[in-house]
Amino acid sequence: MNKKNVLILIGIYLIFVVSFARPAHAVVPQLLGPLTALVSLIPQILAFVGIAVLTTLVFARDTTKMLFYRLKDFALAHKAVASGMSLILLMTLAWGTYQFLRGTNPSLTKVSPDTFHRATTIVPWTTFRGNQNRTGWVDAIPGPTSGNPSWVFAAESAVAVDFSSSPAIVGNRLYIGASRGSIFSLGGATYCIDIESGEELWRHDSEIPIFSSPAVAAGRVYIGEGYHQDSGCHLRCLDAKTGEAIWRFRTESHVESTPFISQGKLYFTAGADGVYCVDALEGKLIWHYPAIHADMSPLVHDGKVYFGTGYGDYRVYAVDAETGKEIWTAPMAYSVWGSPSVYENLVFFGMGTGSFSHSARIPYGSVAAINADTGETVWEFKAGDAVLTAIVSHGKYVTFGSRDGFVYTLMASDGKKQWATDIGSPIVSSPAVTASTVYAAGQNGRIYALSADVGEVEWEFNIRKVATGIEFYSSPAVANGHLYIGSSDRYIFGFGENGSRQGGEER
């Protein structure tokens, strides 16, 4: 094979890789990178090439004729190579056209007005999933009873955008973090969306990608930045109305955690830099618990801060909320991932092997109920794979999802299983629970509404009918009678009763 044919085959290979390669995931899903950004720009690149070709045809007809004759001669002499190149070109054009049409389809970004319960009170979203019970639901308004998308927000198509952060809803505004990538750069942003109009109200950019989910209270948004491999990241404080920066607090590692807001203080984990307590008003350090690696959102309850570690020495901890002084610590058999919740004198943690992206070769997962005063394990329930989600405490029950594909509800007091529903996909997104319904998102892009009493599927919706390839790491939030969730692509979805039917399946 001569040098020219080798170069041609290399060109075919590069076209294939750029067009169809998907990024690898880290411990948490680092979904963006230069290659992903390049794929997102395929429509613009194809448009530029098309314009260049047309310009050549108009202004250089003789040169074009000679080029076509040479291409014809080459194709006749190298039929196999020419056929392969033609096939790859057609596939690339088809993919680019599809992406372009998907990005400009007005039906995906059109908003249905007057479909929202207008918030009568402003309820703060004080931690991951809104409250210490991790319900993802902070008002008294029931969630949607059918799978009707009411609107879809699409971030601009010129860059790759990932909403693996989970939304916080305060009043009629949605706040969410994102990773944003272009060919030459990778960063993050915090978005504020009007949930009635679906319009972007403001966006605050960060130099570092954002996986953290925001906490919102007293007119401020608190959000971390960074993935597992990042260091020198910040906890940011933004004005909730304008998005302007108020202060930022630097850590030596990353802040995937959502802070817990309590009595004017922020409690958050900072990866390998341990756990922090800072003043919510000015961002000044109050105390620091170092020398551990924690990524979950901590729990503050009855004067104590509870958290667990996913790396190194697997443990759960209780420290004094005022001073950071250790009260007790207890060893665990596996990485502690699931953000804790509380019921009476029990604190619940999710554990397991593997990661957000992959199961371990020998999977393991469980939920442990820990005595809040002593650190003693009261009961442990074993699941089929890792429990990475927050543990939702509601009434006398706890509910959670697992990578084994099941949503579980247990008795909080003794861990006895009440029901388990298989949704057929790993669950790494935390469920939202209202008085009557459990809303769960599968990694395969499906949303499910399950009855809270027996786990029966009431409705489901396949997001991939709207946009292909979507995965859910974001957790659903229920507010104002609607459900909201981000996606691994550039979309945020709103579900509500008055949305137009787009294939939701009722059961």
Protein backbone atom coordinates (compact mmCIF):
# COMPACT_ATOMS: atom_id res chain seq x y z
CA MET A 1 0.00 0.00 0.00
CA ASN A 2 1.49 3.33 -1.06
CA LYS A 3 1.79 6.46 1.08
CA LYS A 4 -1.21 8.14 -0.53
CA ASN A 5 -3.55 5.25 0.31
CA VAL A 6 -2.26 5.16 3.89
CA LEU A 7 -3.06 8.87 4.32
CA ILE A 8 -6.52 8.30 2.86
CA LEU A 9 -7.25 5.50 5.33
CA ILE A 10 -6.00 7.62 8.22
CA GLY A 11 -8.33 10.40 7.10
CA ILE A 12 -11.27 7.98 7.02
CA TYR A 13 -10.41 6.78 10.52
CA LEU A 14 -10.23 10.34 11.89
CA ILE A 15 -13.58 11.24 10.37
CA PHE A 16 -15.10 8.16 11.97
CA VAL A 17 -13.61 8.89 15.39
CA VAL A 18 -14.65 12.54 15.41
CA SER A 19 -18.15 11.69 14.28
CA PHE A 20 -19.00 8.80 16.56
CA ALA A 21 -16.63 8.58 19.54
CA ARG A 22 -18.13 9.04 23.02
CA PRO A 23 -16.13 10.36 25.96
CA ALA A 24 -15.06 8.14 28.82
CA HIS A 25 -16.38 8.80 32.30
CA ALA A 26 -14.41 9.39 35.47
CA VAL A 27 -15.55 8.50 38.97
CA VAL A 28 -18.25 11.07 38.43
CA PRO A 29 -19.19 11.58 34.79
CA GLN A 30 -16.69 13.95 33.19
CA LEU A 31 -18.79 14.18 30.05
CA LEU A 32 -17.18 17.07 28.24
CA GLY A 33 -13.90 17.53 26.45
CA PRO A 34 -12.41 18.91 23.25
CA LEU A 35 -13.59 15.91 21.22
CA THR A 36 -17.15 16.23 22.49
CA ALA A 37 -17.08 19.93 21.72
CA LEU A 38 -15.80 19.22 18.22
CA VAL A 39 -18.68 16.81 17.62
CA SER A 40 -21.12 19.49 18.77
CA LEU A 41 -19.69 21.85 16.14
CA ILE A 42 -20.11 19.43 13.23
CA PRO A 43 -23.12 21.33 11.78
CA GLN A 44 -21.15 24.59 11.70
CA ILE A 45 -18.13 22.85 10.18
CA LEU A 46 -20.28 21.24 7.50
CA ALA A 47 -21.91 24.59 6.73
CA PHE A 48 -18.48 26.18 6.33
CA VAL A 49 -17.36 23.37 4.02
CA GLY A 50 -20.55 23.70 2.01
CA ILE A 51 -20.02 27.42 1.55
CA ALA A 52 -16.43 26.83 0.50
CA VAL A 53 -17.51 24.26 -2.08
CA LEU A 54 -20.18 26.56 -3.52
CA THR A 55 -17.69 29.43 -3.69
CA THR A 56 -15.25 27.21 -5.56
CA LEU A 57 -17.95 26.14 -8.04
CA VAL A 58 -18.89 29.74 -8.77
CA PHE A 59 -15.48 31.40 -8.97
CA ALA A 60 -13.19 28.62 -10.12
CA ARG A 61 -15.14 26.57 -12.64
CA ASP A 62 -12.14 25.46 -14.70
CA THR A 63 -10.16 24.44 -11.63
CA THR A 64 -13.21 22.63 -10.30
CA LYS A 65 -13.64 20.68 -13.53
CA MET A 66 -10.03 19.52 -13.39
CA LEU A 67 -10.47 18.50 -9.76
CA PHE A 68 -13.60 16.50 -10.55
CA TYR A 69 -11.85 14.73 -13.45
CA ARG A 70 -8.95 13.80 -11.13
CA LEU A 71 -11.38 12.53 -8.48
CA LYS A 72 -13.17 10.50 -11.14
CA ASP A 73 -9.90 8.93 -12.32
CA PHE A 74 -8.89 8.18 -8.73
CA ALA A 75 -12.28 6.58 -7.96
CA LEU A 76 -12.04 4.31 -11.02
CA ALA A 77 -8.53 3.25 -10.06
CA HIS A 78 -9.27 2.76 -6.35
CA LYS A 79 -12.90 1.62 -6.18
CA ALA A 80 -12.74 0.10 -2.68
CA VAL A 81 -11.15 3.17 -1.09
CA ALA A 82 -13.50 5.52 -2.94
CA SER A 83 -16.54 3.52 -1.81
CA GLY A 84 -15.36 3.62 1.81
CA MET A 85 -14.74 7.36 1.67
CA SER A 86 -18.16 7.97 0.13
CA LEU A 87 -19.89 5.92 2.82
CA ILE A 88 -18.10 7.72 5.64
CA LEU A 89 -18.86 11.11 4.08
CA LEU A 90 -22.55 10.31 3.73
CA MET A 91 -22.74 9.06 7.32
CA THR A 92 -20.99 12.18 8.60
CA LEU A 93 -23.27 14.47 6.61
CA ALA A 94 -26.36 12.60 7.84
CA TRP A 95 -25.18 12.83 11.46
CA GLY A 96 -24.31 16.50 11.14
CA THR A 97 -27.67 17.28 9.53
CA TYR A 98 -29.47 15.41 12.28
CA GLN A 99 -27.60 17.30 15.01
CA PHE A 100 -28.29 20.61 13.28
CA LEU A 101 -32.02 19.91 12.94
CA ARG A 102 -32.23 18.70 16.53
CA GLY A 103 -30.50 21.83 17.76
CA THR A 104 -32.83 24.17 15.85
CA ASN A 105 -36.14 22.31 16.16
CA PRO A 106 -38.50 24.94 17.60
CA SER A 107 -40.76 22.29 19.10
CA LEU A 108 -38.04 21.41 21.61
CA THR A 109 -37.59 24.92 22.95
CA LYS A 110 -41.15 26.23 22.68
CA VAL A 111 -42.71 26.98 26.06
CA SER A 112 -46.32 26.41 26.98
CA PRO A 113 -47.35 29.54 28.96
CA ASP A 114 -49.80 29.60 31.87
CA THR A 115 -49.12 25.98 32.85
CA PHE A 116 -47.58 26.63 36.25
CA HIS A 117 -48.84 26.89 39.78
CA ARG A 118 -47.52 30.28 40.79
CA ALA A 119 -45.50 30.01 43.99
CA THR A 120 -47.23 31.77 46.90
CA THR A 121 -44.26 31.49 49.26
CA ILE A 122 -40.53 31.38 48.67
CA VAL A 123 -39.23 28.15 50.20
CA PRO A 124 -35.42 27.92 50.41
CA TRP A 125 -33.56 24.96 48.90
CA THR A 126 -31.09 24.48 51.72
CA THR A 127 -29.09 21.44 50.60
CA PHE A 128 -28.88 18.59 48.06
CA ARG A 129 -32.48 17.51 47.31
CA GLY A 130 -33.86 20.58 49.07
CA ASN A 131 -34.00 19.51 52.73
CA GLN A 132 -32.47 17.16 55.29
CA ASN A 133 -34.89 14.40 54.24
CA ARG A 134 -33.54 14.59 50.61
CA THR A 135 -37.05 14.51 49.13
CA GLY A 136 -36.42 16.83 46.16
CA TRP A 137 -39.79 18.40 47.04
CA VAL A 138 -40.19 21.39 49.36
CA ASP A 139 -43.71 22.72 48.74
CA ALA A 140 -47.10 21.12 49.41
CA ILE A 141 -48.18 20.98 45.74
CA PRO A 142 -48.47 17.45 44.26
CA GLY A 143 -46.26 16.60 41.31
CA PRO A 144 -47.38 15.77 37.74
CA THR A 145 -49.73 12.79 37.34
CA SER A 146 -48.92 12.08 33.69
CA GLY A 147 -45.80 12.14 31.55
CA ASN A 148 -46.38 15.33 29.63
CA PRO A 149 -43.30 17.46 28.85
CA SER A 150 -44.45 21.06 29.16
CA TRP A 151 -41.21 22.64 27.93
CA VAL A 152 -37.62 21.84 27.06
CA PHE A 153 -34.81 24.32 27.60
CA ALA A 154 -31.88 23.85 25.21
CA ALA A 155 -28.55 25.52 25.87
CA GLU A 156 -26.87 27.11 22.86
CA SER A 157 -25.58 24.57 20.34
CA ALA A 158 -22.23 26.27 19.64
CA VAL A 159 -20.69 24.51 22.65
CA ALA A 160 -21.17 21.14 24.35
CA VAL A 161 -23.15 21.51 27.59
CA ASP A 162 -23.77 18.88 30.27
CA PHE A 163 -26.37 19.25 33.03
CA SER A 164 -25.36 16.46 35.44
CA SER A 165 -26.02 18.89 38.29
CA SER A 166 -29.48 18.65 39.87
CA PRO A 167 -31.88 21.62 39.76
CA ALA A 168 -32.89 23.69 42.79
CA ILE A 169 -36.28 25.40 42.54
CA VAL A 170 -36.97 28.54 44.57
CA GLY A 171 -40.10 30.51 43.74
CA ASN A 172 -40.43 30.54 39.97
CA ARG A 173 -36.73 30.16 39.24
CA LEU A 174 -34.66 27.08 38.50
CA TYR A 175 -30.95 27.06 39.34
CA ILE A 176 -28.57 24.42 38.00
CA GLY A 177 -24.85 23.90 37.33
CA ALA A 178 -23.27 22.72 34.09
CA SER A 179 -20.06 21.77 32.34
CA ARG A 180 -19.39 23.62 29.09
CA GLY A 181 -16.82 22.66 26.49
CA SER A 182 -15.46 24.00 23.23
CA ILE A 183 -12.60 22.74 21.08
CA PHE A 184 -10.03 24.82 22.92
CA SER A 185 -11.45 25.15 26.44
CA LEU A 186 -13.43 23.45 29.19
CA GLY A 187 -15.30 25.27 31.91
CA GLY A 188 -18.57 25.46 33.76
CA ALA A 189 -21.55 27.69 34.41
CA THR A 190 -24.47 28.25 36.75
CA TYR A 191 -27.78 28.85 34.98
CA CYS A 192 -30.93 30.55 36.20
CA ILE A 193 -34.09 29.66 34.25
CA ASP A 194 -37.57 31.18 34.55
CA ILE A 195 -39.78 28.11 34.99
CA GLU A 196 -42.85 29.85 33.58
CA SER A 197 -41.31 31.14 30.34
CA GLY A 198 -38.46 28.63 30.07
CA GLU A 199 -36.10 31.52 29.32
CA GLU A 200 -32.56 31.89 30.57
CA LEU A 201 -32.48 34.79 33.03
CA TRP A 202 -28.75 34.75 33.66
CA ARG A 203 -25.64 32.59 33.41
CA HIS A 204 -22.53 32.85 35.56
CA ASP A 205 -19.45 31.27 33.96
CA SER A 206 -16.68 29.39 35.79
CA GLU A 207 -13.21 28.41 34.61
CA ILE A 208 -13.81 24.90 36.01
CA PRO A 209 -16.63 22.45 35.14
CA ILE A 210 -19.51 22.18 37.61
CA PHE A 211 -20.97 18.89 38.86
CA SER A 212 -22.21 20.30 42.18
CA SER A 213 -25.91 21.01 42.64
CA PRO A 214 -26.85 24.43 44.05
CA ALA A 215 -28.31 25.34 47.41
CA VAL A 216 -30.38 28.53 47.45
CA ALA A 217 -31.45 30.66 50.42
CA ALA A 218 -31.82 34.31 51.42
CA GLY A 219 -31.36 35.57 47.87
CA ARG A 220 -28.09 33.72 47.30
CA VAL A 221 -26.97 30.69 45.30
CA TYR A 222 -24.18 28.50 46.72
CA ILE A 223 -22.52 26.03 44.35
CA GLY A 224 -19.21 24.15 44.11
CA GLU A 225 -17.02 23.48 41.09
CA GLY A 226 -14.79 20.70 39.82
CA TYR A 227 -14.71 16.98 39.10
CA HIS A 228 -12.68 14.27 40.82
CA GLN A 229 -9.46 15.08 38.96
CA ASP A 230 -9.68 18.86 39.54
CA SER A 231 -7.90 20.78 42.30
CA GLY A 232 -7.84 24.38 43.44
CA CYS A 233 -11.63 24.63 43.10
CA HIS A 234 -14.07 26.98 44.80
CA LEU A 235 -17.38 27.15 46.54
CA ARG A 236 -19.11 30.10 44.88
CA CYS A 237 -21.72 32.50 46.27
CA LEU A 238 -23.85 34.27 43.65
CA ASP A 239 -26.67 36.79 43.76
CA ALA A 240 -29.82 34.75 43.07
CA LYS A 241 -31.48 37.62 41.20
CA THR A 242 -28.64 38.71 38.92
CA GLY A 243 -26.02 35.93 38.99
CA GLU A 244 -23.29 38.37 40.03
CA ALA A 245 -20.48 36.93 42.14
CA ILE A 246 -20.57 37.88 45.84
CA TRP A 247 -17.63 35.79 47.11
CA ARG A 248 -15.81 32.53 46.48
CA PHE A 249 -13.98 30.22 48.88
CA ARG A 250 -10.97 28.28 47.57
CA THR A 251 -10.19 24.66 48.48
CA GLU A 252 -7.17 22.51 47.64
CA SER A 253 -9.33 19.88 45.93
CA HIS A 254 -12.74 19.82 44.17
CA VAL A 255 -16.24 20.66 45.42
CA GLU A 256 -18.73 18.17 43.96
CA SER A 257 -20.76 18.56 47.14
CA THR A 258 -23.86 20.67 47.62
CA PRO A 259 -23.48 22.70 50.82
CA PHE A 260 -25.88 22.29 53.73
CA ILE A 261 -27.15 25.71 54.89
CA SER A 262 -27.88 25.90 58.62
CA GLN A 263 -28.02 28.90 60.99
CA GLY A 264 -25.98 31.19 58.78
CA LYS A 265 -23.29 28.60 58.06
CA LEU A 266 -22.38 26.45 55.05
CA TYR A 267 -21.19 22.88 55.55
CA PHE A 268 -19.68 21.10 52.56
CA THR A 269 -17.19 18.42 51.57
CA ALA A 270 -14.22 19.26 49.35
CA GLY A 271 -12.88 15.97 47.98
CA ALA A 272 -9.40 15.21 49.28
CA ASP A 273 -9.43 18.49 51.23
CA GLY A 274 -11.91 17.21 53.81
CA VAL A 275 -14.95 19.02 55.21
CA TYR A 276 -15.47 22.76 55.69
CA CYS A 277 -17.73 25.06 57.63
CA VAL A 278 -17.77 28.68 56.40
CA ASP A 279 -19.79 31.77 57.15
CA ALA A 280 -22.65 32.06 54.63
CA LEU A 281 -22.59 35.85 54.59
CA GLU A 282 -18.92 36.53 53.83
CA GLY A 283 -17.44 33.10 53.03
CA LYS A 284 -14.98 33.18 55.94
CA LEU A 285 -13.61 29.94 57.37
CA ILE A 286 -15.11 28.76 60.67
CA TRP A 287 -13.56 25.30 60.87
CA HIS A 288 -11.93 22.65 58.68
CA TYR A 289 -11.90 18.86 59.16
CA PRO A 290 -8.92 17.69 57.03
CA ALA A 291 -7.18 14.48 55.96
CA ILE A 292 -10.17 12.60 54.50
CA HIS A 293 -11.73 12.35 51.03
CA ALA A 294 -15.48 13.04 50.95
CA ASP A 295 -17.70 14.11 48.05
CA MET A 296 -21.26 13.80 49.35
CA SER A 297 -23.50 16.53 50.67
CA PRO A 298 -23.23 16.38 54.48
CA LEU A 299 -26.20 16.34 56.84
CA VAL A 300 -26.61 18.76 59.74
CA HIS A 301 -28.94 17.54 62.48
CA ASP A 302 -29.28 18.14 66.21
CA GLY A 303 -25.96 20.00 66.49
CA LYS A 304 -23.95 17.42 64.54
CA VAL A 305 -22.59 17.15 61.01
CA TYR A 306 -22.76 13.68 59.42
CA PHE A 307 -20.78 12.57 56.36
CA GLY A 308 -18.98 9.55 54.88
CA THR A 309 -15.88 8.83 52.81
CA GLY A 310 -15.68 7.18 49.41
CA TYR A 311 -11.89 6.79 49.19
CA GLY A 312 -9.11 5.53 51.42
CA ASP A 313 -10.42 4.50 54.82
CA TYR A 314 -14.16 3.98 54.38
CA ARG A 315 -15.96 5.51 57.35
CA VAL A 316 -18.94 7.50 58.53
CA TYR A 317 -18.42 10.48 60.83
CA ALA A 318 -20.22 12.74 63.25
CA VAL A 319 -18.57 16.05 64.20
CA ASP A 320 -19.72 18.99 66.27
CA ALA A 321 -21.48 21.55 64.06
CA GLU A 322 -20.03 24.50 66.01
CA THR A 323 -16.41 23.44 66.31
CA GLY A 324 -15.80 20.57 63.84
CA LYS A 325 -14.52 18.41 66.71
CA GLU A 326 -15.00 14.70 66.07
CA ILE A 327 -17.76 13.07 68.16
CA TRP A 328 -17.56 9.57 66.75
CA THR A 329 -16.44 7.68 63.65
CA ALA A 330 -17.30 4.17 62.49
CA PRO A 331 -15.58 1.98 59.85
CA MET A 332 -17.61 0.73 56.87
CA ALA A 333 -16.90 -2.16 54.53
CA TYR A 334 -17.33 -0.18 51.29
CA SER A 335 -17.20 3.33 49.86
CA VAL A 336 -19.86 5.60 51.35
CA TRP A 337 -21.51 7.55 48.52
CA GLY A 338 -25.19 8.24 49.19
CA SER A 339 -25.85 11.60 50.85
CA PRO A 340 -27.36 10.91 54.30
CA SER A 341 -30.82 11.68 55.64
CA VAL A 342 -32.33 11.28 59.09
CA TYR A 343 -35.35 9.66 60.77
CA GLU A 344 -35.73 10.04 64.53
CA ASN A 345 -32.37 8.85 65.90
CA LEU A 346 -31.18 7.09 62.73
CA VAL A 347 -28.93 8.44 59.96
CA PHE A 348 -28.98 6.61 56.61
CA PHE A 349 -26.02 6.20 54.26
CA GLY A 350 -25.73 4.55 50.83
CA MET A 351 -22.66 2.44 50.06
CA GLY A 352 -21.17 0.32 47.31
CA THR A 353 -18.51 -0.50 44.77
CA GLY A 354 -18.08 0.87 41.25
CA SER A 355 -18.79 4.44 40.17
CA PHE A 356 -21.42 6.67 38.59
CA SER A 357 -20.34 5.39 35.18
CA HIS A 358 -19.68 1.70 35.72
CA SER A 359 -20.47 -1.20 37.99
CA ALA A 360 -17.60 -3.02 39.64
CA ARG A 361 -16.59 -6.47 38.41
CA ILE A 362 -18.07 -7.84 41.64
CA PRO A 363 -20.89 -5.39 42.44
CA TYR A 364 -22.00 -4.61 45.95
CA GLY A 365 -24.38 -2.06 47.40
CA SER A 366 -26.31 -1.44 50.60
CA VAL A 367 -27.98 1.11 52.85
CA ALA A 368 -26.97 1.31 56.50
CA ALA A 369 -28.95 2.85 59.35
CA ILE A 370 -26.55 4.35 61.90
CA ASN A 371 -27.35 5.36 65.46
CA ALA A 372 -26.96 9.15 65.41
CA ASP A 373 -25.47 9.28 68.93
CA THR A 374 -23.05 6.36 68.91
CA GLY A 375 -22.22 5.45 65.30
CA GLU A 376 -23.43 1.89 65.81
CA THR A 377 -25.00 0.16 62.78
CA VAL A 378 -28.64 -0.58 63.67
CA TRP A 379 -29.53 -2.36 60.42
CA GLU A 380 -28.19 -2.81 56.90
CA PHE A 381 -30.12 -3.65 53.73
CA LYS A 382 -28.21 -5.20 50.84
CA ALA A 383 -29.02 -4.19 47.26
CA GLY A 384 -27.78 -5.82 44.05
CA ASP A 385 -25.30 -3.04 43.21
CA ALA A 386 -23.97 0.28 44.48
CA VAL A 387 -26.28 2.80 46.15
CA LEU A 388 -24.99 6.14 44.90
CA THR A 389 -28.21 8.12 45.35
CA ALA A 390 -29.28 10.16 48.34
CA ILE A 391 -31.40 8.23 50.83
CA VAL A 392 -34.87 9.81 50.95
CA SER A 393 -36.54 9.79 54.36
CA HIS A 394 -40.32 10.30 54.20
CA GLY A 395 -42.65 9.54 57.04
CA LYS A 396 -41.67 6.15 58.43
CA TYR A 397 -40.02 5.02 55.17
CA VAL A 398 -36.76 5.45 53.29
CA THR A 399 -36.53 5.31 49.49
CA PHE A 400 -33.48 5.10 47.21
CA GLY A 401 -32.26 3.83 43.84
CA SER A 402 -29.42 1.47 43.00
CA ARG A 403 -27.23 0.63 40.04
CA ASP A 404 -29.02 -2.74 40.05
CA GLY A 405 -31.98 -0.98 38.38
CA PHE A 406 -34.37 -1.12 41.34
CA VAL A 407 -36.10 1.63 43.32
CA TYR A 408 -36.49 0.44 46.92
CA THR A 409 -38.71 1.54 49.80
CA LEU A 410 -37.90 0.21 53.26
CA MET A 411 -39.24 0.70 56.76
CA ALA A 412 -36.99 3.34 58.32
CA SER A 413 -37.01 1.73 61.78
CA ASP A 414 -35.84 -1.78 60.86
CA GLY A 415 -34.96 -1.85 57.13
CA LYS A 416 -37.74 -4.25 56.20
CA LYS A 417 -38.47 -4.07 52.46
CA GLN A 418 -41.88 -2.64 51.57
CA TRP A 419 -41.48 -2.79 47.81
CA ALA A 420 -38.88 -2.86 45.05
CA THR A 421 -39.60 -1.84 41.44
CA ASP A 422 -37.26 -2.70 38.58
CA ILE A 423 -37.08 0.12 36.01
CA GLY A 424 -34.60 -1.76 33.84
CA SER A 425 -31.70 0.68 34.04
CA PRO A 426 -28.96 1.64 36.51
CA ILE A 427 -30.11 4.43 38.81
CA VAL A 428 -27.47 6.99 39.81
CA SER A 429 -29.92 9.89 40.01
CA SER A 430 -31.63 10.45 43.38
CA PRO A 431 -35.41 9.97 43.41
CA ALA A 432 -37.84 12.75 44.30
CA VAL A 433 -40.64 11.80 46.69
CA THR A 434 -43.95 13.59 47.28
CA ALA A 435 -46.86 12.56 49.51
CA SER A 436 -48.14 10.07 46.92
CA THR A 437 -45.47 9.55 44.25
CA VAL A 438 -41.84 8.53 43.80
CA TYR A 439 -40.21 10.03 40.68
CA ALA A 440 -37.10 8.19 39.48
CA ALA A 441 -34.80 8.69 36.49
CA GLY A 442 -32.93 5.81 34.89
CA GLN A 443 -29.51 6.24 33.39
CA ASN A 444 -31.07 5.13 30.09
CA GLY A 445 -33.05 8.39 29.75
CA ARG A 446 -36.42 7.27 31.12
CA ILE A 447 -38.47 9.05 33.80
CA TYR A 448 -40.80 6.99 35.98
CA ALA A 449 -43.60 7.92 38.37
CA LEU A 450 -44.20 5.18 40.95
CA SER A 451 -46.93 5.05 43.56
CA ALA A 452 -45.35 5.73 46.94
CA ASP A 453 -47.36 3.03 48.72
CA VAL A 454 -46.68 -0.04 46.54
CA GLY A 455 -44.23 1.09 43.84
CA GLU A 456 -46.60 0.54 40.92
CA VAL A 457 -45.58 2.35 37.70
CA GLU A 458 -48.13 5.13 37.09
CA TRP A 459 -46.46 6.63 34.02
CA GLU A 460 -43.14 6.73 32.25
CA PHE A 461 -41.54 8.85 29.56
CA ASN A 462 -38.58 8.11 27.32
CA ILE A 463 -36.54 11.30 26.92
CA ARG A 464 -34.69 9.74 23.99
CA LYS A 465 -37.84 10.32 21.93
CA VAL A 466 -36.94 14.00 22.18
CA ALA A 467 -33.14 13.73 21.85
CA THR A 468 -31.10 10.56 21.38
CA GLY A 469 -28.29 9.36 23.62
CA ILE A 470 -29.38 11.23 26.75
CA GLU A 471 -28.41 9.86 30.16
CA PHE A 472 -29.56 11.02 33.59
CA TYR A 473 -27.08 11.87 36.33
CA SER A 474 -29.18 14.87 37.32
CA SER A 475 -31.88 14.22 39.94
CA PRO A 476 -35.52 15.32 39.46
CA ALA A 477 -36.91 18.21 41.48
CA VAL A 478 -40.64 18.66 42.08
CA ALA A 479 -42.06 22.15 42.63
CA ASN A 480 -45.09 24.22 41.61
CA GLY A 481 -46.83 21.05 40.46
CA HIS A 482 -44.11 20.24 37.93
CA LEU A 483 -41.03 18.05 37.67
CA TYR A 484 -37.67 19.38 36.43
CA ILE A 485 -34.48 17.55 35.51
CA GLY A 486 -31.23 18.22 33.64
CA SER A 487 -29.60 15.81 31.21
CA SER A 488 -26.20 14.66 29.99
CA ASP A 489 -26.89 16.59 26.80
CA ARG A 490 -27.71 20.31 26.72
CA TYR A 491 -31.35 20.01 27.75
CA ILE A 492 -33.39 20.76 30.86
CA PHE A 493 -36.85 19.20 30.90
CA GLY A 494 -40.03 20.37 32.59
CA PHE A 495 -43.02 18.05 33.09
CA GLY A 496 -46.49 19.32 33.96
CA GLU A 497 -50.17 18.63 33.55
CA ASN A 498 -50.83 21.07 30.72
CA GLY A 499 -47.88 20.16 28.52
CA SER A 500 -48.52 18.75 25.05
CA ARG A 501 -48.51 14.97 24.86
CA GLN A 502 -45.23 13.69 23.44
CA GLY A 503 -45.39 9.99 24.06
CA GLY A 504 -45.73 9.63 27.82
CA GLU A 505 -47.02 6.16 28.63
CA GLU A 506 -49.64 5.91 31.38
CA ARG A 507 -50.22 2.62 33.18
